Amino acid sequence: MSINEAACTYAVLILSDDGIPITAEKIMTLVKAANVKVDSYWPGLFAKLLEKHRVEDLITNVGSGGGGAAIAVSTGAAASGGSAAPAAAPVEEKKEEPKEEESDEDMGFSLFD
């Protein structure tokens, strides 16, 4: 993360914490008050992003990947108003026992010999 991004991020967090609406001008005001030089386009980028997303939502969703969500597929009978077929029983996964790693004794040498 560059100094530009960090300064704008901290400014956004301050504004959000105080409940102040986030605009490019307010971000730039805080950055100037902190005596940090930021390229003029950074505050606008942050303000535009935060027009569509709340800061609180971004903070709580950090690290939550968007991975494969389960999708429900309707059958023809369910789509036409009939009763849906019963769900299939869940398949049991085979649990593999972890293999023990070989020790130095098995290899015929030691790291500290």
PDB file of N, CA and C in Angstrom:
ATOM      1  N   MET A   1       0.849  -1.159   0.000  1.00  0.00           N
ATOM      2  CA  MET A   1       0.000   0.000   0.000  1.00  0.00           C
ATOM      3  C   MET A   1       0.904   1.234   0.000  1.00  0.00           C
ATOM      4  N   SER A   2       0.619   2.154  -0.876  1.00  0.00           N
ATOM      5  CA  SER A   2       1.419   3.363  -0.984  1.00  0.00           C
ATOM      6  C   SER A   2       1.017   4.375   0.093  1.00  0.00           C
ATOM      7  N   ILE A   3       1.815   5.408   0.216  1.00  0.00           N
ATOM      8  CA  ILE A   3       1.510   6.468   1.178  1.00  0.00           C
ATOM      9  C   ILE A   3       0.207   7.158   0.790  1.00  0.00           C
ATOM     10  N   ASN A   4      -0.014   7.313  -0.515  1.00  0.00           N
ATOM     11  CA  ASN A   4      -1.258   7.934  -0.992  1.00  0.00           C
ATOM     12  C   ASN A   4      -2.475   7.151  -0.518  1.00  0.00           C
ATOM     13  N   GLU A   5      -2.431   5.833  -0.709  1.00  0.00           N
ATOM     14  CA  GLU A   5      -3.559   4.984  -0.311  1.00  0.00           C
ATOM     15  C   GLU A   5      -3.738   4.979   1.198  1.00  0.00           C
ATOM     16  N   ALA A   6      -2.634   4.881   1.919  1.00  0.00           N
ATOM     17  CA  ALA A   6      -2.713   4.822   3.375  1.00  0.00           C
ATOM     18  C   ALA A   6      -3.303   6.113   3.940  1.00  0.00           C
ATOM     19  N   ALA A   7      -2.852   7.245   3.429  1.00  0.00           N
ATOM     20  CA  ALA A   7      -3.357   8.526   3.932  1.00  0.00           C
ATOM     21  C   ALA A   7      -4.853   8.661   3.665  1.00  0.00           C
ATOM     22  N   CYS A   8      -5.282   8.291   2.475  1.00  0.00           N
ATOM     23  CA  CYS A   8      -6.713   8.373   2.156  1.00  0.00           C
ATOM     24  C   CYS A   8      -7.521   7.370   2.980  1.00  0.00           C
ATOM     25  N   THR A   9      -6.968   6.197   3.198  1.00  0.00           N
ATOM     26  CA  THR A   9      -7.653   5.184   3.999  1.00  0.00           C
ATOM     27  C   THR A   9      -7.865   5.676   5.427  1.00  0.00           C
ATOM     28  N   TYR A  10      -6.815   6.234   6.024  1.00  0.00           N
ATOM     29  CA  TYR A  10      -6.949   6.752   7.384  1.00  0.00           C
ATOM     30  C   TYR A  10      -7.945   7.912   7.441  1.00  0.00           C
ATOM     31  N   ALA A  11      -7.922   8.775   6.437  1.00  0.00           N
ATOM     32  CA  ALA A  11      -8.870   9.887   6.406  1.00  0.00           C
ATOM     33  C   ALA A  11     -10.306   9.370   6.323  1.00  0.00           C
ATOM     34  N   VAL A  12     -10.526   8.346   5.488  1.00  0.00           N
ATOM     35  CA  VAL A  12     -11.853   7.757   5.356  1.00  0.00           C
ATOM     36  C   VAL A  12     -12.298   7.131   6.676  1.00  0.00           C
ATOM     37  N   LEU A  13     -11.397   6.443   7.352  1.00  0.00           N
ATOM     38  CA  LEU A  13     -11.745   5.834   8.632  1.00  0.00           C
ATOM     39  C   LEU A  13     -12.106   6.890   9.679  1.00  0.00           C
ATOM     40  N   ILE A  14     -11.376   8.003   9.676  1.00  0.00           N
ATOM     41  CA  ILE A  14     -11.679   9.083  10.615  1.00  0.00           C
ATOM     42  C   ILE A  14     -13.063   9.673  10.320  1.00  0.00           C
ATOM     43  N   LEU A  15     -13.312   9.959   9.048  1.00  0.00           N
ATOM     44  CA  LEU A  15     -14.616  10.524   8.681  1.00  0.00           C
ATOM     45  C   LEU A  15     -15.755   9.566   9.017  1.00  0.00           C
ATOM     46  N   SER A  16     -15.549   8.299   8.720  1.00  0.00           N
ATOM     47  CA  SER A  16     -16.582   7.301   8.990  1.00  0.00           C
ATOM     48  C   SER A  16     -16.842   7.167  10.484  1.00  0.00           C
ATOM     49  N   ASP A  17     -15.773   7.171  11.267  1.00  0.00           N
ATOM     50  CA  ASP A  17     -15.908   7.025  12.707  1.00  0.00           C
ATOM     51  C   ASP A  17     -16.669   8.197  13.324  1.00  0.00           C
ATOM     52  N   ASP A  18     -16.466   9.373  12.756  1.00  0.00           N
ATOM     53  CA  ASP A  18     -17.166  10.558  13.261  1.00  0.00           C
ATOM     54  C   ASP A  18     -18.555  10.726  12.665  1.00  0.00           C
ATOM     55  N   GLY A  19     -18.940   9.861  11.728  1.00  0.00           N
ATOM     56  CA  GLY A  19     -20.259   9.931  11.127  1.00  0.00           C
ATOM     57  C   GLY A  19     -20.394  11.058  10.114  1.00  0.00           C
ATOM     58  N   ILE A  20     -19.286  11.510   9.570  1.00  0.00           N
ATOM     59  CA  ILE A  20     -19.292  12.602   8.593  1.00  0.00           C
ATOM     60  C   ILE A  20     -19.383  12.009   7.192  1.00  0.00           C
ATOM     61  N   PRO A  21     -20.232  12.553   6.333  1.00  0.00           N
ATOM     62  CA  PRO A  21     -20.305  12.049   4.953  1.00  0.00           C
ATOM     63  C   PRO A  21     -18.942  12.163   4.261  1.00  0.00           C
ATOM     64  N   ILE A  22     -18.586  11.121   3.527  1.00  0.00           N
ATOM     65  CA  ILE A  22     -17.259  11.046   2.922  1.00  0.00           C
ATOM     66  C   ILE A  22     -17.292  11.648   1.522  1.00  0.00           C
ATOM     67  N   THR A  23     -16.513  12.707   1.348  1.00  0.00           N
ATOM     68  CA  THR A  23     -16.371  13.344   0.033  1.00  0.00           C
ATOM     69  C   THR A  23     -14.883  13.531  -0.247  1.00  0.00           C
ATOM     70  N   ALA A  24     -14.565  13.770  -1.507  1.00  0.00           N
ATOM     71  CA  ALA A  24     -13.169  13.969  -1.895  1.00  0.00           C
ATOM     72  C   ALA A  24     -12.588  15.200  -1.197  1.00  0.00           C
ATOM     73  N   GLU A  25     -13.379  16.239  -1.055  1.00  0.00           N
ATOM     74  CA  GLU A  25     -12.902  17.466  -0.415  1.00  0.00           C
ATOM     75  C   GLU A  25     -12.562  17.223   1.058  1.00  0.00           C
ATOM     76  N   LYS A  26     -13.401  16.467   1.746  1.00  0.00           N
ATOM     77  CA  LYS A  26     -13.149  16.201   3.166  1.00  0.00           C
ATOM     78  C   LYS A  26     -11.933  15.291   3.352  1.00  0.00           C
ATOM     79  N   ILE A  27     -11.770  14.335   2.458  1.00  0.00           N
ATOM     80  CA  ILE A  27     -10.587  13.473   2.520  1.00  0.00           C
ATOM     81  C   ILE A  27      -9.338  14.321   2.310  1.00  0.00           C
ATOM     82  N   MET A  28      -9.368  15.206   1.298  1.00  0.00           N
ATOM     83  CA  MET A  28      -8.220  16.054   1.003  1.00  0.00           C
ATOM     84  C   MET A  28      -7.919  17.004   2.160  1.00  0.00           C
ATOM     85  N   THR A  29      -8.960  17.506   2.835  1.00  0.00           N
ATOM     86  CA  THR A  29      -8.770  18.400   3.977  1.00  0.00           C
ATOM     87  C   THR A  29      -8.031  17.685   5.105  1.00  0.00           C
ATOM     88  N   LEU A  30      -8.435  16.462   5.404  1.00  0.00           N
ATOM     89  CA  LEU A  30      -7.762  15.697   6.459  1.00  0.00           C
ATOM     90  C   LEU A  30      -6.331  15.354   6.074  1.00  0.00           C
ATOM     91  N   VAL A  31      -6.113  15.003   4.823  1.00  0.00           N
ATOM     92  CA  VAL A  31      -4.770  14.641   4.373  1.00  0.00           C
ATOM     93  C   VAL A  31      -3.846  15.861   4.449  1.00  0.00           C
ATOM     94  N   LYS A  32      -4.341  17.030   4.042  1.00  0.00           N
ATOM     95  CA  LYS A  32      -3.540  18.256   4.128  1.00  0.00           C
ATOM     96  C   LYS A  32      -3.256  18.616   5.581  1.00  0.00           C
ATOM     97  N   ALA A  33      -4.249  18.408   6.468  1.00  0.00           N
ATOM     98  CA  ALA A  33      -4.055  18.702   7.886  1.00  0.00           C
ATOM     99  C   ALA A  33      -2.981  17.802   8.490  1.00  0.00           C
ATOM    100  N   ALA A  34      -2.829  16.593   7.940  1.00  0.00           N
ATOM    101  CA  ALA A  34      -1.808  15.667   8.414  1.00  0.00           C
ATOM    102  C   ALA A  34      -0.459  15.955   7.768  1.00  0.00           C
ATOM    103  N   ASN A  35      -0.422  16.953   6.878  1.00  0.00           N
ATOM    104  CA  ASN A  35       0.801  17.365   6.200  1.00  0.00           C
ATOM    105  C   ASN A  35       1.378  16.242   5.330  1.00  0.00           C
ATOM    106  N   VAL A  36       0.472  15.569   4.615  1.00  0.00           N
ATOM    107  CA  VAL A  36       0.864  14.492   3.703  1.00  0.00           C
ATOM    108  C   VAL A  36       0.500  14.927   2.292  1.00  0.00           C
ATOM    109  N   LYS A  37       1.431  14.740   1.366  1.00  0.00           N
ATOM    110  CA  LYS A  37       1.160  15.082  -0.030  1.00  0.00           C
ATOM    111  C   LYS A  37       0.587  13.859  -0.730  1.00  0.00           C
ATOM    112  N   VAL A  38      -0.578  14.048  -1.352  1.00  0.00           N
ATOM    113  CA  VAL A  38      -1.285  12.962  -2.025  1.00  0.00           C
ATOM    114  C   VAL A  38      -1.608  13.413  -3.444  1.00  0.00           C
ATOM    115  N   ASP A  39      -1.470  12.497  -4.400  1.00  0.00           N
ATOM    116  CA  ASP A  39      -1.871  12.814  -5.768  1.00  0.00           C
ATOM    117  C   ASP A  39      -3.356  13.174  -5.765  1.00  0.00           C
ATOM    118  N   SER A  40      -3.726  14.133  -6.612  1.00  0.00           N
ATOM    119  CA  SER A  40      -5.066  14.708  -6.558  1.00  0.00           C
ATOM    120  C   SER A  40      -6.186  13.726  -6.882  1.00  0.00           C
ATOM    121  N   TYR A  41      -5.891  12.631  -7.561  1.00  0.00           N
ATOM    122  CA  TYR A  41      -6.956  11.705  -7.948  1.00  0.00           C
ATOM    123  C   TYR A  41      -7.326  10.710  -6.851  1.00  0.00           C
ATOM    124  N   TRP A  42      -6.477  10.499  -5.852  1.00  0.00           N
ATOM    125  CA  TRP A  42      -6.759   9.505  -4.814  1.00  0.00           C
ATOM    126  C   TRP A  42      -8.014   9.818  -3.997  1.00  0.00           C
ATOM    127  N   PRO A  43      -8.176  11.025  -3.473  1.00  0.00           N
ATOM    128  CA  PRO A  43      -9.399  11.291  -2.693  1.00  0.00           C
ATOM    129  C   PRO A  43     -10.670  11.064  -3.501  1.00  0.00           C
ATOM    130  N   GLY A  44     -10.641  11.421  -4.773  1.00  0.00           N
ATOM    131  CA  GLY A  44     -11.812  11.210  -5.624  1.00  0.00           C
ATOM    132  C   GLY A  44     -12.121   9.737  -5.816  1.00  0.00           C
ATOM    133  N   LEU A  45     -11.070   8.928  -5.969  1.00  0.00           N
ATOM    134  CA  LEU A  45     -11.283   7.478  -6.114  1.00  0.00           C
ATOM    135  C   LEU A  45     -11.921   6.885  -4.862  1.00  0.00           C
ATOM    136  N   PHE A  46     -11.400   7.271  -3.711  1.00  0.00           N
ATOM    137  CA  PHE A  46     -11.950   6.754  -2.461  1.00  0.00           C
ATOM    138  C   PHE A  46     -13.389   7.221  -2.264  1.00  0.00           C
ATOM    139  N   ALA A  47     -13.657   8.488  -2.563  1.00  0.00           N
ATOM    140  CA  ALA A  47     -15.016   9.017  -2.400  1.00  0.00           C
ATOM    141  C   ALA A  47     -15.986   8.314  -3.344  1.00  0.00           C
ATOM    142  N   LYS A  48     -15.558   8.069  -4.576  1.00  0.00           N
ATOM    143  CA  LYS A  48     -16.430   7.398  -5.546  1.00  0.00           C
ATOM    144  C   LYS A  48     -16.717   5.957  -5.110  1.00  0.00           C
ATOM    145  N   LEU A  49     -15.713   5.272  -4.579  1.00  0.00           N
ATOM    146  CA  LEU A  49     -15.911   3.905  -4.083  1.00  0.00           C
ATOM    147  C   LEU A  49     -16.922   3.892  -2.941  1.00  0.00           C
ATOM    148  N   LEU A  50     -16.799   4.871  -2.063  1.00  0.00           N
ATOM    149  CA  LEU A  50     -17.635   4.864  -0.870  1.00  0.00           C
ATOM    150  C   LEU A  50     -19.019   5.458  -1.107  1.00  0.00           C
ATOM    151  N   GLU A  51     -19.301   5.902  -2.327  1.00  0.00           N
ATOM    152  CA  GLU A  51     -20.669   6.270  -2.664  1.00  0.00           C
ATOM    153  C   GLU A  51     -21.535   5.020  -2.755  1.00  0.00           C
ATOM    154  N   LYS A  52     -20.924   3.909  -3.163  1.00  0.00           N
ATOM    155  CA  LYS A  52     -21.662   2.658  -3.392  1.00  0.00           C
ATOM    156  C   LYS A  52     -21.531   1.663  -2.241  1.00  0.00           C
ATOM    157  N   HIS A  53     -20.500   1.810  -1.426  1.00  0.00           N
ATOM    158  CA  HIS A  53     -20.245   0.846  -0.346  1.00  0.00           C
ATOM    159  C   HIS A  53     -20.061   1.588   0.973  1.00  0.00           C
ATOM    160  N   ARG A  54     -20.539   0.958   2.034  1.00  0.00           N
ATOM    161  CA  ARG A  54     -20.337   1.522   3.369  1.00  0.00           C
ATOM    162  C   ARG A  54     -18.996   1.057   3.909  1.00  0.00           C
ATOM    163  N   VAL A  55     -18.331   1.926   4.660  1.00  0.00           N
ATOM    164  CA  VAL A  55     -17.032   1.601   5.236  1.00  0.00           C
ATOM    165  C   VAL A  55     -17.155   0.398   6.171  1.00  0.00           C
ATOM    166  N   GLU A  56     -18.219   0.359   6.958  1.00  0.00           N
ATOM    167  CA  GLU A  56     -18.418  -0.735   7.903  1.00  0.00           C
ATOM    168  C   GLU A  56     -18.511  -2.079   7.181  1.00  0.00           C
ATOM    169  N   ASP A  57     -19.187  -2.087   6.037  1.00  0.00           N
ATOM    170  CA  ASP A  57     -19.310  -3.329   5.264  1.00  0.00           C
ATOM    171  C   ASP A  57     -17.966  -3.766   4.716  1.00  0.00           C
ATOM    172  N   LEU A  58     -17.165  -2.820   4.265  1.00  0.00           N
ATOM    173  CA  LEU A  58     -15.844  -3.159   3.738  1.00  0.00           C
ATOM    174  C   LEU A  58     -14.943  -3.720   4.832  1.00  0.00           C
ATOM    175  N   ILE A  59     -15.046  -3.159   6.022  1.00  0.00           N
ATOM    176  CA  ILE A  59     -14.209  -3.625   7.124  1.00  0.00           C
ATOM    177  C   ILE A  59     -14.618  -5.028   7.557  1.00  0.00           C
ATOM    178  N   THR A  60     -15.899  -5.289   7.648  1.00  0.00           N
ATOM    179  CA  THR A  60     -16.344  -6.601   8.126  1.00  0.00           C
ATOM    180  C   THR A  60     -16.159  -7.700   7.086  1.00  0.00           C
ATOM    181  N   ASN A  61     -16.019  -7.341   5.817  1.00  0.00           N
ATOM    182  CA  ASN A  61     -15.863  -8.346   4.773  1.00  0.00           C
ATOM    183  C   ASN A  61     -14.425  -8.552   4.335  1.00  0.00           C
ATOM    184  N   VAL A  62     -13.470  -8.010   5.060  1.00  0.00           N
ATOM    185  CA  VAL A  62     -12.067  -8.193   4.698  1.00  0.00           C
ATOM    186  C   VAL A  62     -11.708  -9.656   4.850  1.00  0.00           C
ATOM    187  N   GLY A  63     -11.147 -10.220   3.818  1.00  0.00           N
ATOM    188  CA  GLY A  63     -10.691 -11.603   3.867  1.00  0.00           C
ATOM    189  C   GLY A  63     -11.775 -12.632   3.622  1.00  0.00           C
ATOM    190  N   SER A  64     -12.998 -12.237   3.470  1.00  0.00           N
ATOM    191  CA  SER A  64     -14.038 -13.217   3.184  1.00  0.00           C
ATOM    192  C   SER A  64     -14.132 -13.359   1.680  1.00  0.00           C
ATOM    193  N   GLY A  65     -13.476 -14.388   1.174  1.00  0.00           N
ATOM    194  CA  GLY A  65     -13.436 -14.609  -0.266  1.00  0.00           C
ATOM    195  C   GLY A  65     -14.821 -14.814  -0.832  1.00  0.00           C
ATOM    196  N   GLY A  66     -14.958 -14.599  -2.093  1.00  0.00           N
ATOM    197  CA  GLY A  66     -16.246 -14.734  -2.728  1.00  0.00           C
ATOM    198  C   GLY A  66     -16.500 -16.121  -3.248  1.00  0.00           C
ATOM    199  N   GLY A  67     -15.782 -17.104  -2.796  1.00  0.00           N
ATOM    200  CA  GLY A  67     -15.794 -18.481  -3.281  1.00  0.00           C
ATOM    201  C   GLY A  67     -17.137 -19.060  -3.622  1.00  0.00           C
ATOM    202  N   GLY A  68     -17.124 -20.292  -4.032  1.00  0.00           N
ATOM    203  CA  GLY A  68     -18.285 -20.973  -4.594  1.00  0.00           C
ATOM    204  C   GLY A  68     -19.461 -21.070  -3.658  1.00  0.00           C
ATOM    205  N   ALA A  69     -20.455 -20.299  -3.904  1.00  0.00           N
ATOM    206  CA  ALA A  69     -21.686 -20.385  -3.135  1.00  0.00           C
ATOM    207  C   ALA A  69     -22.563 -21.483  -3.720  1.00  0.00           C
ATOM    208  N   ALA A  70     -23.309 -22.130  -2.861  1.00  0.00           N
ATOM    209  CA  ALA A  70     -24.200 -23.188  -3.325  1.00  0.00           C
ATOM    210  C   ALA A  70     -25.363 -22.571  -4.088  1.00  0.00           C
ATOM    211  N   ILE A  71     -25.722 -23.179  -5.191  1.00  0.00           N
ATOM    212  CA  ILE A  71     -26.814 -22.676  -6.010  1.00  0.00           C
ATOM    213  C   ILE A  71     -27.926 -23.707  -6.009  1.00  0.00           C
ATOM    214  N   ALA A  72     -29.132 -23.273  -5.680  1.00  0.00           N
ATOM    215  CA  ALA A  72     -30.276 -24.180  -5.677  1.00  0.00           C
ATOM    216  C   ALA A  72     -30.811 -24.289  -7.103  1.00  0.00           C
ATOM    217  N   VAL A  73     -30.978 -25.493  -7.568  1.00  0.00           N
ATOM    218  CA  VAL A  73     -31.498 -25.726  -8.911  1.00  0.00           C
ATOM    219  C   VAL A  73     -32.873 -26.344  -8.774  1.00  0.00           C
ATOM    220  N   SER A  74     -33.867 -25.744  -9.434  1.00  0.00           N
ATOM    221  CA  SER A  74     -35.216 -26.282  -9.341  1.00  0.00           C
ATOM    222  C   SER A  74     -35.405 -27.373 -10.390  1.00  0.00           C
ATOM    223  N   THR A  75     -36.157 -28.387 -10.022  1.00  0.00           N
ATOM    224  CA  THR A  75     -36.452 -29.465 -10.962  1.00  0.00           C
ATOM    225  C   THR A  75     -37.678 -29.084 -11.775  1.00  0.00           C
ATOM    226  N   GLY A  76     -37.944 -29.797 -12.819  1.00  0.00           N
ATOM    227  CA  GLY A  76     -39.086 -29.500 -13.679  1.00  0.00           C
ATOM    228  C   GLY A  76     -40.407 -29.589 -12.936  1.00  0.00           C
ATOM    229  N   ALA A  77     -40.547 -30.559 -12.034  1.00  0.00           N
ATOM    230  CA  ALA A  77     -41.788 -30.718 -11.289  1.00  0.00           C
ATOM    231  C   ALA A  77     -42.007 -29.539 -10.341  1.00  0.00           C
ATOM    232  N   ALA A  78     -40.924 -29.080  -9.715  1.00  0.00           N
ATOM    233  CA  ALA A  78     -41.051 -27.965  -8.791  1.00  0.00           C
ATOM    234  C   ALA A  78     -41.370 -26.687  -9.543  1.00  0.00           C
ATOM    235  N   ALA A  79     -40.813 -26.539 -10.726  1.00  0.00           N
ATOM    236  CA  ALA A  79     -41.059 -25.323 -11.510  1.00  0.00           C
ATOM    237  C   ALA A  79     -42.493 -25.283 -12.021  1.00  0.00           C
ATOM    238  N   SER A  80     -43.095 -26.451 -12.282  1.00  0.00           N
ATOM    239  CA  SER A  80     -44.455 -26.470 -12.801  1.00  0.00           C
ATOM    240  C   SER A  80     -45.501 -26.511 -11.691  1.00  0.00           C
ATOM    241  N   GLY A  81     -45.087 -26.451 -10.442  1.00  0.00           N
ATOM    242  CA  GLY A  81     -46.039 -26.387  -9.349  1.00  0.00           C
ATOM    243  C   GLY A  81     -46.202 -27.718  -8.636  1.00  0.00           C
ATOM    244  N   GLY A  82     -45.608 -28.778  -9.114  1.00  0.00           N
ATOM    245  CA  GLY A  82     -45.702 -30.079  -8.453  1.00  0.00           C
ATOM    246  C   GLY A  82     -44.752 -30.162  -7.278  1.00  0.00           C
ATOM    247  N   SER A  83     -44.715 -31.294  -6.640  1.00  0.00           N
ATOM    248  CA  SER A  83     -43.809 -31.437  -5.509  1.00  0.00           C
ATOM    249  C   SER A  83     -42.411 -31.771  -6.012  1.00  0.00           C
ATOM    250  N   ALA A  84     -41.444 -31.267  -5.323  1.00  0.00           N
ATOM    251  CA  ALA A  84     -40.050 -31.494  -5.709  1.00  0.00           C
ATOM    252  C   ALA A  84     -39.611 -32.877  -5.264  1.00  0.00           C
ATOM    253  N   ALA A  85     -38.658 -33.428  -5.957  1.00  0.00           N
ATOM    254  CA  ALA A  85     -38.107 -34.733  -5.598  1.00  0.00           C
ATOM    255  C   ALA A  85     -37.368 -34.603  -4.272  1.00  0.00           C
ATOM    256  N   PRO A  86     -37.369 -35.678  -3.462  1.00  0.00           N
ATOM    257  CA  PRO A  86     -36.669 -35.590  -2.182  1.00  0.00           C
ATOM    258  C   PRO A  86     -35.174 -35.383  -2.404  1.00  0.00           C
ATOM    259  N   ALA A  87     -34.573 -34.668  -1.488  1.00  0.00           N
ATOM    260  CA  ALA A  87     -33.150 -34.379  -1.597  1.00  0.00           C
ATOM    261  C   ALA A  87     -32.343 -35.651  -1.393  1.00  0.00           C
ATOM    262  N   ALA A  88     -31.261 -35.759  -2.127  1.00  0.00           N
ATOM    263  CA  ALA A  88     -30.390 -36.923  -2.011  1.00  0.00           C
ATOM    264  C   ALA A  88     -29.658 -36.878  -0.676  1.00  0.00           C
ATOM    265  N   ALA A  89     -29.378 -38.056  -0.140  1.00  0.00           N
ATOM    266  CA  ALA A  89     -28.664 -38.132   1.125  1.00  0.00           C
ATOM    267  C   ALA A  89     -27.250 -37.607   0.930  1.00  0.00           C
ATOM    268  N   PRO A  90     -26.717 -36.895   1.912  1.00  0.00           N
ATOM    269  CA  PRO A  90     -25.358 -36.378   1.769  1.00  0.00           C
ATOM    270  C   PRO A  90     -24.345 -37.521   1.696  1.00  0.00           C
ATOM    271  N   VAL A  91     -23.383 -37.346   0.844  1.00  0.00           N
ATOM    272  CA  VAL A  91     -22.347 -38.363   0.655  1.00  0.00           C
ATOM    273  C   VAL A  91     -21.322 -38.209   1.761  1.00  0.00           C
ATOM    274  N   GLU A  92     -20.987 -39.351   2.392  1.00  0.00           N
ATOM    275  CA  GLU A  92     -19.997 -39.309   3.455  1.00  0.00           C
ATOM    276  C   GLU A  92     -18.614 -39.284   2.843  1.00  0.00           C
ATOM    277  N   GLU A  93     -17.790 -38.391   3.355  1.00  0.00           N
ATOM    278  CA  GLU A  93     -16.428 -38.294   2.863  1.00  0.00           C
ATOM    279  C   GLU A  93     -15.542 -39.263   3.630  1.00  0.00           C
ATOM    280  N   LYS A  94     -14.613 -39.864   2.897  1.00  0.00           N
ATOM    281  CA  LYS A  94     -13.665 -40.758   3.547  1.00  0.00           C
ATOM    282  C   LYS A  94     -12.590 -39.921   4.201  1.00  0.00           C
ATOM    283  N   LYS A  95     -12.356 -40.202   5.476  1.00  0.00           N
ATOM    284  CA  LYS A  95     -11.338 -39.471   6.200  1.00  0.00           C
ATOM    285  C   LYS A  95     -10.022 -40.227   6.107  1.00  0.00           C
ATOM    286  N   GLU A  96      -9.022 -39.551   5.570  1.00  0.00           N
ATOM    287  CA  GLU A  96      -7.712 -40.166   5.478  1.00  0.00           C
ATOM    288  C   GLU A  96      -6.935 -39.855   6.740  1.00  0.00           C
ATOM    289  N   GLU A  97      -6.247 -40.867   7.246  1.00  0.00           N
ATOM    290  CA  GLU A  97      -5.434 -40.666   8.425  1.00  0.00           C
ATOM    291  C   GLU A  97      -4.151 -39.957   8.012  1.00  0.00           C
ATOM    292  N   PRO A  98      -3.758 -38.935   8.745  1.00  0.00           N
ATOM    293  CA  PRO A  98      -2.527 -38.245   8.388  1.00  0.00           C
ATOM    294  C   PRO A  98      -1.328 -39.177   8.552  1.00  0.00           C
ATOM    295  N   LYS A  99      -0.469 -39.158   7.563  1.00  0.00           N
ATOM    296  CA  LYS A  99       0.720 -40.005   7.611  1.00  0.00           C
ATOM    297  C   LYS A  99       1.770 -39.325   8.459  1.00  0.00           C
ATOM    298  N   GLU A 100       2.428 -40.116   9.273  1.00  0.00           N
ATOM    299  CA  GLU A 100       3.468 -39.566  10.120  1.00  0.00           C
ATOM    300  C   GLU A 100       4.716 -39.338   9.281  1.00  0.00           C
ATOM    301  N   GLU A 101       5.358 -38.206   9.511  1.00  0.00           N
ATOM    302  CA  GLU A 101       6.567 -37.900   8.768  1.00  0.00           C
ATOM    303  C   GLU A 101       7.712 -38.744   9.301  1.00  0.00           C
ATOM    304  N   GLU A 102       8.644 -39.036   8.401  1.00  0.00           N
ATOM    305  CA  GLU A 102       9.794 -39.830   8.805  1.00  0.00           C
ATOM    306  C   GLU A 102      10.718 -38.983   9.655  1.00  0.00           C
ATOM    307  N   SER A 103      11.314 -39.600  10.626  1.00  0.00           N
ATOM    308  CA  SER A 103      12.245 -38.878  11.481  1.00  0.00           C
ATOM    309  C   SER A 103      13.650 -38.959  10.878  1.00  0.00           C
ATOM    310  N   ASP A 104      14.576 -38.204  11.451  1.00  0.00           N
ATOM    311  CA  ASP A 104      15.954 -38.201  10.963  1.00  0.00           C
ATOM    312  C   ASP A 104      16.602 -39.573  11.115  1.00  0.00           C
ATOM    313  N   GLU A 105      16.161 -40.329  12.106  1.00  0.00           N
ATOM    314  CA  GLU A 105      16.738 -41.635  12.354  1.00  0.00           C
ATOM    315  C   GLU A 105      16.493 -42.571  11.165  1.00  0.00           C
ATOM    316  N   ASP A 106      15.361 -42.434  10.517  1.00  0.00           N
ATOM    317  CA  ASP A 106      15.036 -43.304   9.402  1.00  0.00           C
ATOM    318  C   ASP A 106      15.895 -43.020   8.176  1.00  0.00           C
ATOM    319  N   MET A 107      16.413 -41.821   8.047  1.00  0.00           N
ATOM    320  CA  MET A 107      17.187 -41.448   6.877  1.00  0.00           C
ATOM    321  C   MET A 107      18.669 -41.780   7.020  1.00  0.00           C
ATOM    322  N   GLY A 108      19.092 -42.085   8.211  1.00  0.00           N
ATOM    323  CA  GLY A 108      20.483 -42.481   8.414  1.00  0.00           C
ATOM    324  C   GLY A 108      21.409 -41.306   8.697  1.00  0.00           C
ATOM    325  N   PHE A 109      20.858 -40.080   8.836  1.00  0.00           N
ATOM    326  CA  PHE A 109      21.712 -38.948   9.209  1.00  0.00           C
ATOM    327  C   PHE A 109      20.896 -37.982  10.057  1.00  0.00           C
ATOM    328  N   SER A 110      21.611 -37.085  10.703  1.00  0.00           N
ATOM    329  CA  SER A 110      20.960 -36.109  11.552  1.00  0.00           C
ATOM    330  C   SER A 110      21.404 -34.722  11.135  1.00  0.00           C
ATOM    331  N   LEU A 111      20.591 -33.759  11.388  1.00  0.00           N
ATOM    332  CA  LEU A 111      20.898 -32.386  11.017  1.00  0.00           C
ATOM    333  C   LEU A 111      22.094 -31.848  11.808  1.00  0.00           C
ATOM    334  N   PHE A 112      22.259 -32.336  13.030  1.00  0.00           N
ATOM    335  CA  PHE A 112      23.318 -31.796  13.900  1.00  0.00           C
ATOM    336  C   PHE A 112      24.520 -32.704  14.014  1.00  0.00           C
ATOM    337  N   ASP A 113      24.727 -33.631  13.097  1.00  0.00           N
ATOM    338  CA  ASP A 113      25.913 -34.521  13.141  1.00  0.00           C
ATOM    339  C   ASP A 113      27.123 -33.830  12.595  1.00  0.00           C
TER     340      ASP A 113
END
